[in-house]
Amino acid sequence: QERFLAGNSISLKVESTKNSAESAKLLVTPNSGVSAALIQGGVLSTDVDNQILSLGSVAFEPVWIFYRKNLENRIDRFKDIAKLQVGVGPHNSGTKEIAKKLFELNGIDIDRSSNFHADSYENNLREFLDGKLDALINVNPEIDPIVNRLLHEPNARIFELKHAAAYD
């Protein structure tokens, strides 16, 4: 890859960041030296998003909403989930930002509710398995170890969003 880029007069220097918000900040900061980044779609604020040009998509990652099996038939809408103890991934993560936007569309501010818990994916999983969380949200591919673990967890169910196309 580097040889191909160099052959086309393009130099490559990889910069690691913690999340998409940090990558975007580098993109919009003059003289940061960053001119391209991989950013999770849907996680940036409008003002930052308007300063960036997308060259395309690499992949699509689903929004997984897992909940406890014993809550089956009691969860039908986002407002039902908002009454539960919900893990939303780490602060400033793509998962938390997407969760925030989904709940805002339903009139719920997750930052003002004590029901939503921002923590590492590992801690969210542990608390879910220990019964401290009723639901958790994760935006990662199916091969992600935590998503994969929950897909095989007998006491977990996947929330079915009946009107998913409306959120597209």
N, C-alpha and C. Protein backbone atom coordinates (compact mmCIF):
# COMPACT_ATOMS: atom_id res chain seq x y z
N GLN A 1 0.82 -1.18 0.00
CA GLN A 1 0.00 0.00 0.00
C GLN A 1 0.87 1.26 0.00
N GLU A 2 1.87 1.25 0.88
CA GLU A 2 2.73 2.43 0.96
C GLU A 2 3.49 2.62 -0.35
N ARG A 3 3.90 1.51 -0.97
CA ARG A 3 4.63 1.59 -2.23
C ARG A 3 3.73 2.17 -3.32
N PHE A 4 2.47 1.74 -3.35
CA PHE A 4 1.51 2.27 -4.32
C PHE A 4 1.33 3.78 -4.13
N LEU A 5 1.13 4.17 -2.87
CA LEU A 5 0.94 5.59 -2.58
C LEU A 5 2.18 6.40 -2.95
N ALA A 6 3.36 5.91 -2.57
CA ALA A 6 4.61 6.61 -2.88
C ALA A 6 4.80 6.73 -4.38
N GLY A 7 4.41 5.71 -5.12
CA GLY A 7 4.50 5.75 -6.58
C GLY A 7 3.59 6.80 -7.19
N ASN A 8 2.63 7.26 -6.43
CA ASN A 8 1.70 8.31 -6.88
C ASN A 8 1.93 9.62 -6.13
N SER A 9 3.14 9.78 -5.60
CA SER A 9 3.56 11.00 -4.89
C SER A 9 2.71 11.30 -3.67
N ILE A 10 2.29 10.25 -2.97
CA ILE A 10 1.50 10.42 -1.75
C ILE A 10 2.27 9.77 -0.61
N SER A 11 2.52 10.55 0.44
CA SER A 11 3.19 9.97 1.61
C SER A 11 2.14 9.55 2.63
N LEU A 12 2.46 8.50 3.35
CA LEU A 12 1.53 7.96 4.34
C LEU A 12 2.19 7.93 5.71
N LYS A 13 1.53 8.56 6.68
CA LYS A 13 1.96 8.47 8.06
C LYS A 13 0.71 8.16 8.87
N VAL A 14 0.72 7.02 9.54
CA VAL A 14 -0.45 6.58 10.29
C VAL A 14 -0.45 7.22 11.68
N GLU A 15 -1.56 7.85 12.03
CA GLU A 15 -1.76 8.46 13.34
C GLU A 15 -2.88 7.68 14.04
N SER A 16 -2.63 7.21 15.22
CA SER A 16 -3.66 6.50 15.98
C SER A 16 -4.44 7.50 16.83
N THR A 17 -5.75 7.31 16.88
CA THR A 17 -6.61 8.14 17.73
C THR A 17 -7.50 7.22 18.55
N LYS A 18 -8.16 7.79 19.56
CA LYS A 18 -9.02 7.00 20.43
C LYS A 18 -10.38 6.72 19.81
N ASN A 19 -10.85 7.65 18.96
CA ASN A 19 -12.20 7.50 18.41
C ASN A 19 -12.38 8.42 17.21
N SER A 20 -13.54 8.34 16.60
CA SER A 20 -13.84 9.12 15.40
C SER A 20 -13.86 10.62 15.67
N ALA A 21 -14.33 11.01 16.84
CA ALA A 21 -14.38 12.44 17.17
C ALA A 21 -12.97 13.03 17.20
N GLU A 22 -12.03 12.30 17.75
CA GLU A 22 -10.65 12.77 17.80
C GLU A 22 -10.05 12.82 16.39
N SER A 23 -10.34 11.84 15.57
CA SER A 23 -9.86 11.84 14.19
C SER A 23 -10.42 13.03 13.41
N ALA A 24 -11.70 13.30 13.60
CA ALA A 24 -12.33 14.42 12.91
C ALA A 24 -11.74 15.75 13.36
N LYS A 25 -11.45 15.86 14.66
CA LYS A 25 -10.85 17.09 15.17
C LYS A 25 -9.51 17.36 14.48
N LEU A 26 -8.72 16.29 14.29
CA LEU A 26 -7.44 16.45 13.59
C LEU A 26 -7.67 16.88 12.14
N LEU A 27 -8.70 16.34 11.51
CA LEU A 27 -9.00 16.70 10.12
C LEU A 27 -9.33 18.18 9.96
N VAL A 28 -10.06 18.73 10.90
CA VAL A 28 -10.51 20.12 10.76
C VAL A 28 -9.56 21.12 11.40
N THR A 29 -8.52 20.64 12.08
CA THR A 29 -7.54 21.52 12.70
C THR A 29 -6.44 21.87 11.70
N PRO A 30 -6.30 23.15 11.37
CA PRO A 30 -5.24 23.54 10.44
C PRO A 30 -3.86 23.12 10.97
N ASN A 31 -3.00 22.73 10.07
CA ASN A 31 -1.62 22.35 10.39
C ASN A 31 -1.49 21.12 11.30
N SER A 32 -2.53 20.30 11.39
CA SER A 32 -2.42 19.08 12.20
C SER A 32 -1.62 18.01 11.47
N GLY A 33 -1.52 18.17 10.14
CA GLY A 33 -0.81 17.18 9.34
C GLY A 33 -1.69 16.03 8.90
N VAL A 34 -2.95 16.02 9.32
CA VAL A 34 -3.89 14.95 8.96
C VAL A 34 -4.80 15.44 7.84
N SER A 35 -4.80 14.70 6.75
CA SER A 35 -5.65 15.10 5.62
C SER A 35 -6.66 14.02 5.23
N ALA A 36 -6.63 12.87 5.87
CA ALA A 36 -7.61 11.81 5.62
C ALA A 36 -7.75 10.96 6.88
N ALA A 37 -8.94 10.42 7.10
CA ALA A 37 -9.17 9.59 8.28
C ALA A 37 -10.33 8.65 8.03
N LEU A 38 -10.33 7.55 8.76
CA LEU A 38 -11.47 6.64 8.77
C LEU A 38 -12.34 7.04 9.96
N ILE A 39 -13.60 7.38 9.67
CA ILE A 39 -14.49 7.88 10.71
C ILE A 39 -15.81 7.12 10.64
N GLN A 40 -16.30 6.74 11.81
CA GLN A 40 -17.58 6.06 11.90
C GLN A 40 -18.69 7.04 11.56
N GLY A 41 -19.53 6.67 10.63
CA GLY A 41 -20.61 7.55 10.20
C GLY A 41 -21.64 7.79 11.29
N GLY A 42 -22.20 8.99 11.29
CA GLY A 42 -23.29 9.31 12.20
C GLY A 42 -22.86 9.74 13.58
N VAL A 43 -21.57 9.89 13.83
CA VAL A 43 -21.13 10.19 15.19
C VAL A 43 -20.67 11.63 15.39
N LEU A 44 -20.53 12.39 14.31
CA LEU A 44 -19.99 13.74 14.43
C LEU A 44 -21.08 14.78 14.60
N SER A 45 -20.72 15.88 15.24
CA SER A 45 -21.65 16.99 15.35
C SER A 45 -21.82 17.62 13.98
N THR A 46 -22.91 18.31 13.76
CA THR A 46 -23.21 18.90 12.45
C THR A 46 -22.13 19.88 12.02
N ASP A 47 -21.64 20.71 12.95
CA ASP A 47 -20.63 21.71 12.56
C ASP A 47 -19.33 21.05 12.10
N VAL A 48 -18.91 19.98 12.76
CA VAL A 48 -17.69 19.27 12.33
C VAL A 48 -17.96 18.51 11.04
N ASP A 49 -19.10 17.84 10.98
CA ASP A 49 -19.46 17.05 9.80
C ASP A 49 -19.50 17.92 8.54
N ASN A 50 -19.95 19.16 8.67
CA ASN A 50 -20.03 20.06 7.52
C ASN A 50 -18.66 20.51 7.00
N GLN A 51 -17.62 20.30 7.78
CA GLN A 51 -16.27 20.69 7.37
C GLN A 51 -15.49 19.55 6.71
N ILE A 52 -16.11 18.37 6.64
CA ILE A 52 -15.42 17.18 6.14
C ILE A 52 -16.10 16.66 4.90
N LEU A 53 -15.32 16.23 3.93
CA LEU A 53 -15.84 15.63 2.71
C LEU A 53 -15.61 14.13 2.77
N SER A 54 -16.65 13.37 2.56
CA SER A 54 -16.54 11.91 2.57
C SER A 54 -16.18 11.40 1.19
N LEU A 55 -15.22 10.49 1.16
CA LEU A 55 -14.82 9.87 -0.10
C LEU A 55 -15.55 8.56 -0.34
N GLY A 56 -16.28 8.08 0.63
CA GLY A 56 -17.03 6.84 0.47
C GLY A 56 -17.13 6.08 1.77
N SER A 57 -17.73 4.92 1.69
CA SER A 57 -17.92 4.06 2.85
C SER A 57 -17.06 2.81 2.71
N VAL A 58 -16.53 2.37 3.83
CA VAL A 58 -15.74 1.15 3.85
C VAL A 58 -16.64 -0.03 4.22
N ALA A 59 -17.49 0.17 5.22
CA ALA A 59 -18.36 -0.90 5.70
C ALA A 59 -19.53 -0.28 6.47
N PHE A 60 -20.53 -1.08 6.69
CA PHE A 60 -21.66 -0.67 7.51
C PHE A 60 -21.66 -1.51 8.76
N GLU A 61 -21.83 -0.87 9.90
CA GLU A 61 -21.88 -1.58 11.16
C GLU A 61 -23.27 -1.42 11.77
N PRO A 62 -23.85 -2.52 12.20
CA PRO A 62 -25.19 -2.44 12.78
C PRO A 62 -25.16 -1.83 14.18
N VAL A 63 -26.31 -1.32 14.57
CA VAL A 63 -26.52 -0.88 15.95
C VAL A 63 -27.17 -2.05 16.66
N TRP A 64 -26.42 -2.67 17.56
CA TRP A 64 -26.93 -3.81 18.33
C TRP A 64 -27.52 -3.29 19.63
N ILE A 65 -28.76 -3.66 19.90
CA ILE A 65 -29.37 -3.35 21.20
C ILE A 65 -29.77 -4.69 21.81
N PHE A 66 -29.03 -5.08 22.83
CA PHE A 66 -29.30 -6.33 23.52
C PHE A 66 -30.05 -6.03 24.81
N TYR A 67 -30.95 -6.93 25.18
CA TYR A 67 -31.66 -6.77 26.46
C TYR A 67 -31.82 -8.14 27.11
N ARG A 68 -32.16 -8.13 28.38
CA ARG A 68 -32.31 -9.37 29.13
C ARG A 68 -33.52 -10.17 28.67
N LYS A 69 -33.33 -11.46 28.57
CA LYS A 69 -34.39 -12.38 28.12
C LYS A 69 -35.66 -12.22 28.97
N ASN A 70 -35.52 -12.00 30.28
CA ASN A 70 -36.70 -11.90 31.14
C ASN A 70 -37.53 -10.65 30.87
N LEU A 71 -37.03 -9.74 30.02
CA LEU A 71 -37.79 -8.54 29.66
C LEU A 71 -38.52 -8.70 28.33
N GLU A 72 -38.41 -9.89 27.75
CA GLU A 72 -39.07 -10.17 26.48
C GLU A 72 -40.57 -9.87 26.60
N ASN A 73 -41.14 -9.35 25.55
CA ASN A 73 -42.56 -8.96 25.47
C ASN A 73 -42.88 -7.72 26.29
N ARG A 74 -41.87 -7.09 26.91
CA ARG A 74 -42.09 -5.84 27.66
C ARG A 74 -41.39 -4.67 27.00
N ILE A 75 -40.61 -4.95 25.95
CA ILE A 75 -39.85 -3.90 25.28
C ILE A 75 -40.30 -3.84 23.83
N ASP A 76 -40.87 -2.70 23.48
CA ASP A 76 -41.39 -2.53 22.12
C ASP A 76 -40.87 -1.27 21.45
N ARG A 77 -40.47 -0.27 22.26
CA ARG A 77 -40.06 1.03 21.73
C ARG A 77 -38.84 1.54 22.49
N PHE A 78 -38.24 2.60 21.96
CA PHE A 78 -37.10 3.21 22.63
C PHE A 78 -37.50 3.73 24.01
N LYS A 79 -38.73 4.20 24.16
CA LYS A 79 -39.17 4.70 25.47
C LYS A 79 -39.20 3.58 26.50
N ASP A 80 -39.44 2.35 26.06
CA ASP A 80 -39.39 1.21 26.98
C ASP A 80 -37.95 0.94 27.42
N ILE A 81 -37.02 1.04 26.49
CA ILE A 81 -35.61 0.81 26.80
C ILE A 81 -35.10 1.90 27.75
N ALA A 82 -35.57 3.14 27.54
CA ALA A 82 -35.11 4.27 28.36
C ALA A 82 -35.46 4.12 29.83
N LYS A 83 -36.40 3.25 30.16
CA LYS A 83 -36.78 3.01 31.56
C LYS A 83 -35.85 1.99 32.22
N LEU A 84 -34.99 1.35 31.42
CA LEU A 84 -34.09 0.32 31.91
C LEU A 84 -32.73 0.90 32.24
N GLN A 85 -31.86 0.09 32.83
CA GLN A 85 -30.46 0.44 33.04
C GLN A 85 -29.73 0.01 31.77
N VAL A 86 -29.17 0.98 31.03
CA VAL A 86 -28.64 0.72 29.70
C VAL A 86 -27.17 1.12 29.59
N GLY A 87 -26.33 0.20 29.13
CA GLY A 87 -24.94 0.51 28.84
C GLY A 87 -24.82 1.05 27.43
N VAL A 88 -24.10 2.15 27.27
CA VAL A 88 -23.99 2.80 25.96
C VAL A 88 -22.55 2.92 25.47
N GLY A 89 -21.66 2.10 26.00
CA GLY A 89 -20.27 2.15 25.56
C GLY A 89 -19.52 3.31 26.18
N PRO A 90 -18.26 3.47 25.80
CA PRO A 90 -17.41 4.51 26.40
C PRO A 90 -17.86 5.94 26.05
N HIS A 91 -17.51 6.89 26.93
CA HIS A 91 -17.72 8.31 26.62
C HIS A 91 -17.02 8.62 25.30
N ASN A 92 -17.59 9.48 24.49
CA ASN A 92 -17.03 9.91 23.20
C ASN A 92 -16.89 8.79 22.18
N SER A 93 -17.48 7.64 22.43
CA SER A 93 -17.41 6.55 21.45
C SER A 93 -18.49 6.74 20.39
N GLY A 94 -18.30 6.10 19.25
CA GLY A 94 -19.32 6.12 18.22
C GLY A 94 -20.62 5.51 18.71
N THR A 95 -20.51 4.46 19.52
CA THR A 95 -21.72 3.82 20.06
C THR A 95 -22.54 4.80 20.88
N LYS A 96 -21.88 5.52 21.80
CA LYS A 96 -22.63 6.46 22.64
C LYS A 96 -23.24 7.58 21.81
N GLU A 97 -22.50 8.08 20.84
CA GLU A 97 -23.03 9.18 20.01
C GLU A 97 -24.22 8.72 19.17
N ILE A 98 -24.15 7.53 18.61
CA ILE A 98 -25.28 7.02 17.83
C ILE A 98 -26.47 6.73 18.74
N ALA A 99 -26.22 6.16 19.91
CA ALA A 99 -27.30 5.92 20.88
C ALA A 99 -27.96 7.24 21.26
N LYS A 100 -27.14 8.24 21.50
CA LYS A 100 -27.67 9.56 21.88
C LYS A 100 -28.60 10.10 20.79
N LYS A 101 -28.18 9.98 19.54
CA LYS A 101 -29.00 10.49 18.43
C LYS A 101 -30.29 9.68 18.28
N LEU A 102 -30.22 8.36 18.42
CA LEU A 102 -31.43 7.54 18.31
C LEU A 102 -32.44 7.88 19.40
N PHE A 103 -31.97 8.04 20.62
CA PHE A 103 -32.89 8.36 21.70
C PHE A 103 -33.40 9.79 21.59
N GLU A 104 -32.57 10.72 21.11
CA GLU A 104 -33.04 12.10 20.91
C GLU A 104 -34.20 12.13 19.92
N LEU A 105 -34.14 11.29 18.89
CA LEU A 105 -35.24 11.23 17.92
C LEU A 105 -36.54 10.78 18.58
N ASN A 106 -36.42 10.19 19.76
CA ASN A 106 -37.59 9.72 20.50
C ASN A 106 -37.85 10.57 21.75
N GLY A 107 -37.25 11.78 21.77
CA GLY A 107 -37.50 12.72 22.87
C GLY A 107 -36.80 12.37 24.17
N ILE A 108 -35.71 11.60 24.10
CA ILE A 108 -35.02 11.16 25.31
C ILE A 108 -33.58 11.66 25.27
N ASP A 109 -33.16 12.36 26.33
CA ASP A 109 -31.79 12.86 26.44
C ASP A 109 -31.01 11.92 27.35
N ILE A 110 -30.16 11.07 26.78
CA ILE A 110 -29.46 10.07 27.58
C ILE A 110 -28.43 10.70 28.50
N ASP A 111 -27.97 11.91 28.19
CA ASP A 111 -27.00 12.56 29.06
C ASP A 111 -27.63 13.07 30.35
N ARG A 112 -28.94 13.26 30.36
CA ARG A 112 -29.63 13.77 31.55
C ARG A 112 -30.33 12.67 32.33
N SER A 113 -30.21 11.44 31.86
CA SER A 113 -30.88 10.32 32.52
C SER A 113 -29.85 9.44 33.22
N SER A 114 -30.13 9.10 34.46
CA SER A 114 -29.23 8.23 35.21
C SER A 114 -29.36 6.76 34.79
N ASN A 115 -30.29 6.47 33.89
CA ASN A 115 -30.48 5.09 33.40
C ASN A 115 -29.43 4.68 32.38
N PHE A 116 -28.72 5.63 31.81
CA PHE A 116 -27.75 5.33 30.76
C PHE A 116 -26.34 5.41 31.33
N HIS A 117 -25.56 4.36 31.08
CA HIS A 117 -24.23 4.23 31.69
C HIS A 117 -23.16 4.15 30.62
N ALA A 118 -22.32 5.19 30.57
CA ALA A 118 -21.19 5.20 29.65
C ALA A 118 -20.00 4.57 30.37
N ASP A 119 -19.46 3.52 29.77
CA ASP A 119 -18.32 2.81 30.34
C ASP A 119 -17.69 1.99 29.23
N SER A 120 -16.60 1.35 29.50
CA SER A 120 -15.96 0.53 28.47
C SER A 120 -16.90 -0.59 28.04
N TYR A 121 -16.70 -1.08 26.84
CA TYR A 121 -17.52 -2.18 26.34
C TYR A 121 -17.39 -3.39 27.26
N GLU A 122 -16.18 -3.63 27.76
CA GLU A 122 -15.95 -4.78 28.65
C GLU A 122 -16.73 -4.62 29.95
N ASN A 123 -16.71 -3.42 30.52
CA ASN A 123 -17.46 -3.20 31.77
C ASN A 123 -18.96 -3.28 31.53
N ASN A 124 -19.44 -2.74 30.40
CA ASN A 124 -20.87 -2.85 30.07
C ASN A 124 -21.26 -4.32 29.97
N LEU A 125 -20.44 -5.12 29.32
CA LEU A 125 -20.73 -6.56 29.18
C LEU A 125 -20.77 -7.23 30.55
N ARG A 126 -19.76 -6.98 31.38
CA ARG A 126 -19.70 -7.60 32.71
C ARG A 126 -20.94 -7.23 33.53
N GLU A 127 -21.32 -5.95 33.50
CA GLU A 127 -22.48 -5.51 34.28
C GLU A 127 -23.78 -6.10 33.72
N PHE A 128 -23.86 -6.27 32.41
CA PHE A 128 -25.03 -6.91 31.81
C PHE A 128 -25.11 -8.37 32.28
N LEU A 129 -24.01 -9.08 32.19
CA LEU A 129 -23.99 -10.50 32.59
C LEU A 129 -24.22 -10.66 34.08
N ASP A 130 -23.81 -9.67 34.88
CA ASP A 130 -24.02 -9.71 36.34
C ASP A 130 -25.42 -9.23 36.74
N GLY A 131 -26.22 -8.79 35.79
CA GLY A 131 -27.58 -8.34 36.09
C GLY A 131 -27.70 -6.90 36.53
N LYS A 132 -26.61 -6.14 36.45
CA LYS A 132 -26.65 -4.73 36.84
C LYS A 132 -27.18 -3.84 35.72
N LEU A 133 -27.04 -4.28 34.48
CA LEU A 133 -27.61 -3.58 33.33
C LEU A 133 -28.69 -4.46 32.72
N ASP A 134 -29.78 -3.82 32.28
CA ASP A 134 -30.87 -4.55 31.64
C ASP A 134 -30.69 -4.63 30.13
N ALA A 135 -29.94 -3.69 29.59
CA ALA A 135 -29.75 -3.62 28.14
C ALA A 135 -28.40 -2.99 27.86
N LEU A 136 -27.90 -3.24 26.68
CA LEU A 136 -26.70 -2.52 26.25
C LEU A 136 -26.72 -2.34 24.76
N ILE A 137 -26.05 -1.27 24.35
CA ILE A 137 -25.99 -0.88 22.94
C ILE A 137 -24.53 -0.97 22.51
N ASN A 138 -24.32 -1.49 21.30
CA ASN A 138 -22.97 -1.65 20.79
C ASN A 138 -23.01 -1.47 19.28
N VAL A 139 -22.16 -0.61 18.76
CA VAL A 139 -22.06 -0.41 17.31
C VAL A 139 -20.70 -0.95 16.88
N ASN A 140 -20.68 -2.21 16.55
CA ASN A 140 -19.48 -2.90 16.12
C ASN A 140 -19.89 -4.05 15.21
N PRO A 141 -18.96 -4.59 14.44
CA PRO A 141 -19.32 -5.71 13.56
C PRO A 141 -19.62 -6.98 14.36
N GLU A 142 -20.26 -7.91 13.71
CA GLU A 142 -20.64 -9.17 14.34
C GLU A 142 -19.42 -9.93 14.88
N ILE A 143 -18.26 -9.74 14.27
CA ILE A 143 -17.06 -10.46 14.70
C ILE A 143 -16.42 -9.84 15.95
N ASP A 144 -16.90 -8.69 16.38
CA ASP A 144 -16.40 -8.08 17.61
C ASP A 144 -16.61 -9.07 18.75
N PRO A 145 -15.61 -9.31 19.60
CA PRO A 145 -15.73 -10.32 20.66
C PRO A 145 -16.91 -10.10 21.60
N ILE A 146 -17.22 -8.86 21.92
CA ILE A 146 -18.33 -8.59 22.84
C ILE A 146 -19.67 -8.83 22.15
N VAL A 147 -19.81 -8.34 20.93
CA VAL A 147 -21.05 -8.59 20.18
C VAL A 147 -21.23 -10.09 20.00
N ASN A 148 -20.18 -10.77 19.60
CA ASN A 148 -20.25 -12.22 19.37
C ASN A 148 -20.63 -12.95 20.66
N ARG A 149 -20.07 -12.53 21.78
CA ARG A 149 -20.41 -13.15 23.07
C ARG A 149 -21.89 -12.98 23.38
N LEU A 150 -22.42 -11.79 23.13
CA LEU A 150 -23.84 -11.53 23.41
C LEU A 150 -24.76 -12.27 22.46
N LEU A 151 -24.32 -12.46 21.23
CA LEU A 151 -25.13 -13.22 20.27
C LEU A 151 -25.30 -14.67 20.70
N HIS A 152 -24.36 -15.16 21.50
CA HIS A 152 -24.41 -16.54 21.99
C HIS A 152 -24.83 -16.65 23.45
N GLU A 153 -25.20 -15.55 24.04
CA GLU A 153 -25.62 -15.52 25.45
C GLU A 153 -27.09 -15.94 25.54
N PRO A 154 -27.39 -17.05 26.23
CA PRO A 154 -28.78 -17.53 26.29
C PRO A 154 -29.74 -16.57 26.99
N ASN A 155 -29.23 -15.70 27.86
CA ASN A 155 -30.10 -14.76 28.57
C ASN A 155 -30.20 -13.39 27.91
N ALA A 156 -29.72 -13.28 26.67
CA ALA A 156 -29.78 -12.01 25.95
C ALA A 156 -30.67 -12.14 24.72
N ARG A 157 -31.33 -11.08 24.42
CA ARG A 157 -32.17 -10.99 23.22
C ARG A 157 -31.78 -9.72 22.47
N ILE A 158 -32.05 -9.70 21.17
CA ILE A 158 -31.78 -8.52 20.34
C ILE A 158 -33.07 -7.74 20.17
N PHE A 159 -33.02 -6.46 20.46
CA PHE A 159 -34.17 -5.58 20.27
C PHE A 159 -34.48 -5.46 18.79
N GLU A 160 -35.72 -5.70 18.44
CA GLU A 160 -36.15 -5.59 17.05
C GLU A 160 -36.76 -4.21 16.83
N LEU A 161 -36.09 -3.41 16.04
CA LEU A 161 -36.58 -2.06 15.74
C LEU A 161 -37.53 -2.17 14.56
N LYS A 162 -38.80 -2.11 14.85
CA LYS A 162 -39.84 -2.37 13.84
C LYS A 162 -39.86 -1.33 12.72
N HIS A 163 -39.44 -0.12 13.00
CA HIS A 163 -39.46 0.95 11.99
C HIS A 163 -38.04 1.43 11.69
N ALA A 164 -37.13 0.49 11.51
CA ALA A 164 -35.72 0.82 11.32
C ALA A 164 -35.51 1.74 10.12
N ALA A 165 -36.25 1.57 9.05
CA ALA A 165 -36.08 2.40 7.86
C ALA A 165 -36.31 3.87 8.15
N ALA A 166 -37.12 4.18 9.13
CA ALA A 166 -37.39 5.58 9.50
C ALA A 166 -36.17 6.26 10.08
N TYR A 167 -35.22 5.50 10.59
CA TYR A 167 -34.02 6.07 11.19
C TYR A 167 -32.87 6.18 10.21
N ASP A 168 -33.03 5.71 9.00
CA ASP A 168 -31.98 5.70 7.98
C ASP A 168 -31.65 7.11 7.51
